[in-house]
Amino acid sequence: TVLSVLGVGTLTYGLIEGGSRGWTSPVILG
């Protein structure tokens, strides 16, 4: 349960924030 929440949540963060932070920014790539 913990790994699924963290995994999908981290992926969602990258997809939502990538447009504003830049798709190649270290935070999004990380």
All heavy atoms as atom14 arrays in JSON, in Angstrom:
{
  "sequence": "TVLSVLGVGTLTYGLIEGGSRGWTSPVILG",
  "atom14_mask": [
    [1, 1, 1, 1, 1, 1, 1, 0, 0, 0, 0, 0, 0, 0],
    [1, 1, 1, 1, 1, 1, 1, 0, 0, 0, 0, 0, 0, 0],
    [1, 1, 1, 1, 1, 1, 1, 1, 0, 0, 0, 0, 0, 0],
    [1, 1, 1, 1, 1, 1, 0, 0, 0, 0, 0, 0, 0, 0],
    [1, 1, 1, 1, 1, 1, 1, 0, 0, 0, 0, 0, 0, 0],
    [1, 1, 1, 1, 1, 1, 1, 1, 0, 0, 0, 0, 0, 0],
    [1, 1, 1, 1, 0, 0, 0, 0, 0, 0, 0, 0, 0, 0],
    [1, 1, 1, 1, 1, 1, 1, 0, 0, 0, 0, 0, 0, 0],
    [1, 1, 1, 1, 0, 0, 0, 0, 0, 0, 0, 0, 0, 0],
    [1, 1, 1, 1, 1, 1, 1, 0, 0, 0, 0, 0, 0, 0],
    [1, 1, 1, 1, 1, 1, 1, 1, 0, 0, 0, 0, 0, 0],
    [1, 1, 1, 1, 1, 1, 1, 0, 0, 0, 0, 0, 0, 0],
    [1, 1, 1, 1, 1, 1, 1, 1, 1, 1, 1, 1, 0, 0],
    [1, 1, 1, 1, 0, 0, 0, 0, 0, 0, 0, 0, 0, 0],
    [1, 1, 1, 1, 1, 1, 1, 1, 0, 0, 0, 0, 0, 0],
    [1, 1, 1, 1, 1, 1, 1, 1, 0, 0, 0, 0, 0, 0],
    [1, 1, 1, 1, 1, 1, 1, 1, 1, 0, 0, 0, 0, 0],
    [1, 1, 1, 1, 0, 0, 0, 0, 0, 0, 0, 0, 0, 0],
    [1, 1, 1, 1, 0, 0, 0, 0, 0, 0, 0, 0, 0, 0],
    [1, 1, 1, 1, 1, 1, 0, 0, 0, 0, 0, 0, 0, 0],
    [1, 1, 1, 1, 1, 1, 1, 1, 1, 1, 1, 0, 0, 0],
    [1, 1, 1, 1, 0, 0, 0, 0, 0, 0, 0, 0, 0, 0],
    [1, 1, 1, 1, 1, 1, 1, 1, 1, 1, 1, 1, 1, 1],
    [1, 1, 1, 1, 1, 1, 1, 0, 0, 0, 0, 0, 0, 0],
    [1, 1, 1, 1, 1, 1, 0, 0, 0, 0, 0, 0, 0, 0],
    [1, 1, 1, 1, 1, 1, 1, 0, 0, 0, 0, 0, 0, 0],
    [1, 1, 1, 1, 1, 1, 1, 0, 0, 0, 0, 0, 0, 0],
    [1, 1, 1, 1, 1, 1, 1, 1, 0, 0, 0, 0, 0, 0],
    [1, 1, 1, 1, 1, 1, 1, 1, 0, 0, 0, 0, 0, 0],
    [1, 1, 1, 1, 0, 0, 0, 0, 0, 0, 0, 0, 0, 0]
  ],
  "atom14_positions": [
    [[0.82, -1.2, 0.0], [0.0, 0.0, 0.0], [0.86, 1.26, 0.0], [0.62, 2.19, -0.77], [-0.93, 0.01, 1.22], [-1.77, -1.16, 1.19], [-1.79, 1.25, 1.24], [0.0, 0.0, 0.0], [0.0, 0.0, 0.0], [0.0, 0.0, 0.0], [0.0, 0.0, 0.0], [0.0, 0.0, 0.0], [0.0, 0.0, 0.0], [0.0, 0.0, 0.0]],
    [[1.87, 1.28, 0.86], [2.74, 2.47, 0.96], [3.48, 2.7, -0.35], [3.56, 3.83, -0.86], [3.72, 2.3, 2.14], [4.76, 3.42, 2.13], [2.98, 2.29, 3.46], [0.0, 0.0, 0.0], [0.0, 0.0, 0.0], [0.0, 0.0, 0.0], [0.0, 0.0, 0.0], [0.0, 0.0, 0.0], [0.0, 0.0, 0.0], [0.0, 0.0, 0.0]],
    [[4.05, 1.64, -0.92], [4.81, 1.79, -2.16], [3.91, 2.22, -3.32], [4.33, 3.01, -4.17], [5.53, 0.48, -2.5], [6.74, 0.13, -1.63], [7.21, -1.3, -1.92], [7.88, 1.11, -1.88], [0.0, 0.0, 0.0], [0.0, 0.0, 0.0], [0.0, 0.0, 0.0], [0.0, 0.0, 0.0], [0.0, 0.0, 0.0], [0.0, 0.0, 0.0]],
    [[2.68, 1.71, -3.37], [1.78, 2.11, -4.46], [1.4, 3.57, -4.35], [1.36, 4.29, -5.37], [0.52, 1.22, -4.44], [-0.25, 1.45, -3.28], [0.0, 0.0, 0.0], [0.0, 0.0, 0.0], [0.0, 0.0, 0.0], [0.0, 0.0, 0.0], [0.0, 0.0, 0.0], [0.0, 0.0, 0.0], [0.0, 0.0, 0.0], [0.0, 0.0, 0.0]],
    [[1.12, 4.05, -3.13], [0.78, 5.46, -2.94], [1.96, 6.35, -3.33], [1.8, 7.33, -4.07], [0.36, 5.73, -1.49], [0.2, 7.23, -1.25], [-0.93, 5.02, -1.15], [0.0, 0.0, 0.0], [0.0, 0.0, 0.0], [0.0, 0.0, 0.0], [0.0, 0.0, 0.0], [0.0, 0.0, 0.0], [0.0, 0.0, 0.0], [0.0, 0.0, 0.0]],
    [[3.14, 6.0, -2.86], [4.32, 6.82, -3.15], [4.68, 6.77, -4.63], [5.02, 7.8, -5.24], [5.51, 6.35, -2.31], [5.4, 6.57, -0.81], [6.61, 5.98, -0.09], [5.27, 8.05, -0.49], [0.0, 0.0, 0.0], [0.0, 0.0, 0.0], [0.0, 0.0, 0.0], [0.0, 0.0, 0.0], [0.0, 0.0, 0.0], [0.0, 0.0, 0.0]],
    [[4.58, 5.58, -5.25], [4.96, 5.44, -6.65], [4.05, 6.22, -7.58], [4.5, 7.02, -8.4], [0.0, 0.0, 0.0], [0.0, 0.0, 0.0], [0.0, 0.0, 0.0], [0.0, 0.0, 0.0], [0.0, 0.0, 0.0], [0.0, 0.0, 0.0], [0.0, 0.0, 0.0], [0.0, 0.0, 0.0], [0.0, 0.0, 0.0], [0.0, 0.0, 0.0]],
    [[2.74, 5.99, -7.45], [1.79, 6.69, -8.32], [1.74, 8.18, -7.97], [1.62, 9.04, -8.85], [0.39, 6.06, -8.22], [-0.6, 6.82, -9.08], [0.44, 4.6, -8.65], [0.0, 0.0, 0.0], [0.0, 0.0, 0.0], [0.0, 0.0, 0.0], [0.0, 0.0, 0.0], [0.0, 0.0, 0.0], [0.0, 0.0, 0.0], [0.0, 0.0, 0.0]],
    [[1.88, 8.51, -6.69], [1.89, 9.91, -6.29], [3.07, 10.67, -6.86], [2.94, 11.81, -7.32], [0.0, 0.0, 0.0], [0.0, 0.0, 0.0], [0.0, 0.0, 0.0], [0.0, 0.0, 0.0], [0.0, 0.0, 0.0], [0.0, 0.0, 0.0], [0.0, 0.0, 0.0], [0.0, 0.0, 0.0], [0.0, 0.0, 0.0], [0.0, 0.0, 0.0]],
    [[4.27, 10.05, -6.85], [5.46, 10.69, -7.4], [5.33, 10.86, -8.91], [5.73, 11.89, -9.47], [6.71, 9.85, -7.07], [6.79, 9.64, -5.66], [7.98, 10.55, -7.53], [0.0, 0.0, 0.0], [0.0, 0.0, 0.0], [0.0, 0.0, 0.0], [0.0, 0.0, 0.0], [0.0, 0.0, 0.0], [0.0, 0.0, 0.0], [0.0, 0.0, 0.0]],
    [[4.79, 9.86, -9.58], [4.56, 9.96, -11.02], [3.58, 11.09, -11.33], [3.79, 11.89, -12.26], [4.03, 8.64, -11.55], [3.63, 8.6, -13.04], [4.83, 8.89, -13.92], [3.02, 7.24, -13.4], [0.0, 0.0, 0.0], [0.0, 0.0, 0.0], [0.0, 0.0, 0.0], [0.0, 0.0, 0.0], [0.0, 0.0, 0.0], [0.0, 0.0, 0.0]],
    [[2.52, 11.19, -10.54], [1.53, 12.25, -10.73], [2.15, 13.63, -10.52], [1.87, 14.58, -11.27], [0.35, 12.06, -9.77], [-0.21, 10.75, -9.96], [-0.73, 13.1, -9.98], [0.0, 0.0, 0.0], [0.0, 0.0, 0.0], [0.0, 0.0, 0.0], [0.0, 0.0, 0.0], [0.0, 0.0, 0.0], [0.0, 0.0, 0.0], [0.0, 0.0, 0.0]],
    [[3.01, 13.73, -9.52], [3.69, 15.01, -9.26], [4.5, 15.44, -10.48], [4.43, 16.61, -10.91], [4.62, 14.86, -8.05], [5.43, 16.12, -7.78], [4.91, 17.15, -7.0], [6.71, 16.27, -8.31], [5.64, 18.31, -6.77], [7.45, 17.42, -8.08], [6.91, 18.43, -7.3], [7.64, 19.58, -7.07], [0.0, 0.0, 0.0], [0.0, 0.0, 0.0]],
    [[5.24, 14.52, -11.06], [6.04, 14.86, -12.23], [5.18, 15.3, -13.4], [5.51, 16.26, -14.1], [0.0, 0.0, 0.0], [0.0, 0.0, 0.0], [0.0, 0.0, 0.0], [0.0, 0.0, 0.0], [0.0, 0.0, 0.0], [0.0, 0.0, 0.0], [0.0, 0.0, 0.0], [0.0, 0.0, 0.0], [0.0, 0.0, 0.0], [0.0, 0.0, 0.0]],
    [[4.07, 14.61, -13.62], [3.21, 14.93, -14.75], [2.5, 16.28, -14.57], [2.35, 17.05, -15.53], [2.17, 13.83, -14.94], [2.7, 12.48, -15.43], [1.61, 11.42, -15.37], [3.24, 12.6, -16.86], [0.0, 0.0, 0.0], [0.0, 0.0, 0.0], [0.0, 0.0, 0.0], [0.0, 0.0, 0.0], [0.0, 0.0, 0.0], [0.0, 0.0, 0.0]],
    [[2.07, 16.58, -13.35], [1.36, 17.84, -13.12], [2.31, 19.03, -13.08], [2.05, 20.08, -13.67], [0.54, 17.75, -11.81], [-0.64, 16.78, -11.98], [0.02, 19.13, -11.4], [-1.49, 16.61, -10.74], [0.0, 0.0, 0.0], [0.0, 0.0, 0.0], [0.0, 0.0, 0.0], [0.0, 0.0, 0.0], [0.0, 0.0, 0.0], [0.0, 0.0, 0.0]],
    [[3.44, 18.86, -12.4], [4.35, 19.98, -12.2], [5.31, 20.18, -13.37], [5.96, 21.22, -13.49], [5.16, 19.79, -10.91], [4.32, 19.78, -9.65], [3.73, 21.16, -9.34], [4.33, 22.16, -9.78], [2.68, 21.21, -8.66], [0.0, 0.0, 0.0], [0.0, 0.0, 0.0], [0.0, 0.0, 0.0], [0.0, 0.0, 0.0], [0.0, 0.0, 0.0]],
    [[5.42, 19.18, -14.26], [6.38, 19.28, -15.35], [6.13, 20.46, -16.27], [7.07, 21.08, -16.77], [0.0, 0.0, 0.0], [0.0, 0.0, 0.0], [0.0, 0.0, 0.0], [0.0, 0.0, 0.0], [0.0, 0.0, 0.0], [0.0, 0.0, 0.0], [0.0, 0.0, 0.0], [0.0, 0.0, 0.0], [0.0, 0.0, 0.0], [0.0, 0.0, 0.0]],
    [[4.84, 20.79, -16.49], [4.52, 21.89, -17.38], [4.98, 23.23, -16.86], [5.37, 24.1, -17.63], [0.0, 0.0, 0.0], [0.0, 0.0, 0.0], [0.0, 0.0, 0.0], [0.0, 0.0, 0.0], [0.0, 0.0, 0.0], [0.0, 0.0, 0.0], [0.0, 0.0, 0.0], [0.0, 0.0, 0.0], [0.0, 0.0, 0.0], [0.0, 0.0, 0.0]],
    [[4.92, 23.42, -15.53], [5.3, 24.71, -14.96], [6.77, 24.78, -14.59], [7.41, 25.83, -14.71], [4.44, 25.01, -13.73], [4.58, 23.99, -12.75], [0.0, 0.0, 0.0], [0.0, 0.0, 0.0], [0.0, 0.0, 0.0], [0.0, 0.0, 0.0], [0.0, 0.0, 0.0], [0.0, 0.0, 0.0], [0.0, 0.0, 0.0], [0.0, 0.0, 0.0]],
    [[7.36, 23.67, -14.15], [8.76, 23.67, -13.73], [9.74, 23.36, -14.87], [10.93, 23.62, -14.75], [8.98, 22.64, -12.6], [8.24, 22.96, -11.31], [8.43, 21.87, -10.28], [7.76, 22.17, -9.04], [8.33, 22.79, -8.01], [9.6, 23.18, -8.09], [7.66, 23.03, -6.9], [0.0, 0.0, 0.0], [0.0, 0.0, 0.0], [0.0, 0.0, 0.0]],
    [[9.21, 22.8, -15.95], [10.07, 22.4, -17.06], [10.32, 20.9, -17.02], [10.71, 20.35, -15.98], [0.0, 0.0, 0.0], [0.0, 0.0, 0.0], [0.0, 0.0, 0.0], [0.0, 0.0, 0.0], [0.0, 0.0, 0.0], [0.0, 0.0, 0.0], [0.0, 0.0, 0.0], [0.0, 0.0, 0.0], [0.0, 0.0, 0.0], [0.0, 0.0, 0.0]],
    [[10.08, 20.24, -18.17], [10.17, 18.78, -18.2], [11.59, 18.26, -17.97], [11.77, 17.1, -17.61], [9.63, 18.27, -19.54], [8.17, 18.54, -19.71], [7.6, 19.49, -20.49], [7.09, 17.88, -19.04], [6.22, 19.47, -20.37], [5.89, 18.48, -19.49], [7.02, 16.84, -18.11], [4.63, 18.08, -19.04], [5.77, 16.44, -17.66], [4.6, 17.04, -18.12]],
    [[12.58, 19.09, -18.18], [13.97, 18.64, -17.99], [14.58, 19.17, -16.7], [15.78, 19.0, -16.48], [14.84, 19.09, -19.19], [14.79, 20.52, -19.3], [14.35, 18.45, -20.48], [0.0, 0.0, 0.0], [0.0, 0.0, 0.0], [0.0, 0.0, 0.0], [0.0, 0.0, 0.0], [0.0, 0.0, 0.0], [0.0, 0.0, 0.0], [0.0, 0.0, 0.0]],
    [[13.78, 19.79, -15.86], [14.32, 20.29, -14.59], [14.69, 19.12, -13.68], [14.09, 18.05, -13.76], [13.29, 21.18, -13.9], [12.18, 20.41, -13.46], [0.0, 0.0, 0.0], [0.0, 0.0, 0.0], [0.0, 0.0, 0.0], [0.0, 0.0, 0.0], [0.0, 0.0, 0.0], [0.0, 0.0, 0.0], [0.0, 0.0, 0.0], [0.0, 0.0, 0.0]],
    [[15.69, 19.3, -12.83], [16.14, 18.2, -11.95], [15.02, 17.63, -11.08], [14.96, 16.42, -10.86], [17.23, 18.86, -11.11], [17.74, 19.99, -11.95], [16.55, 20.5, -12.69], [0.0, 0.0, 0.0], [0.0, 0.0, 0.0], [0.0, 0.0, 0.0], [0.0, 0.0, 0.0], [0.0, 0.0, 0.0], [0.0, 0.0, 0.0], [0.0, 0.0, 0.0]],
    [[14.13, 18.51, -10.6], [13.05, 18.04, -9.73], [12.12, 17.09, -10.48], [11.73, 16.03, -9.96], [12.26, 19.24, -9.16], [11.02, 18.75, -8.41], [13.13, 20.07, -8.25], [0.0, 0.0, 0.0], [0.0, 0.0, 0.0], [0.0, 0.0, 0.0], [0.0, 0.0, 0.0], [0.0, 0.0, 0.0], [0.0, 0.0, 0.0], [0.0, 0.0, 0.0]],
    [[11.77, 17.45, -11.71], [10.84, 16.63, -12.49], [11.5, 15.33, -12.93], [10.91, 14.24, -12.81], [10.31, 17.42, -13.7], [9.57, 18.67, -13.23], [9.4, 16.55, -14.55], [8.45, 18.41, -12.26], [0.0, 0.0, 0.0], [0.0, 0.0, 0.0], [0.0, 0.0, 0.0], [0.0, 0.0, 0.0], [0.0, 0.0, 0.0], [0.0, 0.0, 0.0]],
    [[12.72, 15.42, -13.43], [13.43, 14.2, -13.82], [13.62, 13.29, -12.62], [13.5, 12.06, -12.72], [14.77, 14.55, -14.46], [14.72, 15.27, -15.82], [16.12, 15.63, -16.29], [14.02, 14.39, -16.86], [0.0, 0.0, 0.0], [0.0, 0.0, 0.0], [0.0, 0.0, 0.0], [0.0, 0.0, 0.0], [0.0, 0.0, 0.0], [0.0, 0.0, 0.0]],
    [[13.93, 13.89, -11.47], [14.09, 13.1, -10.25], [12.8, 12.43, -9.83], [12.8, 11.29, -9.35], [0.0, 0.0, 0.0], [0.0, 0.0, 0.0], [0.0, 0.0, 0.0], [0.0, 0.0, 0.0], [0.0, 0.0, 0.0], [0.0, 0.0, 0.0], [0.0, 0.0, 0.0], [0.0, 0.0, 0.0], [0.0, 0.0, 0.0], [0.0, 0.0, 0.0]]
  ]
}
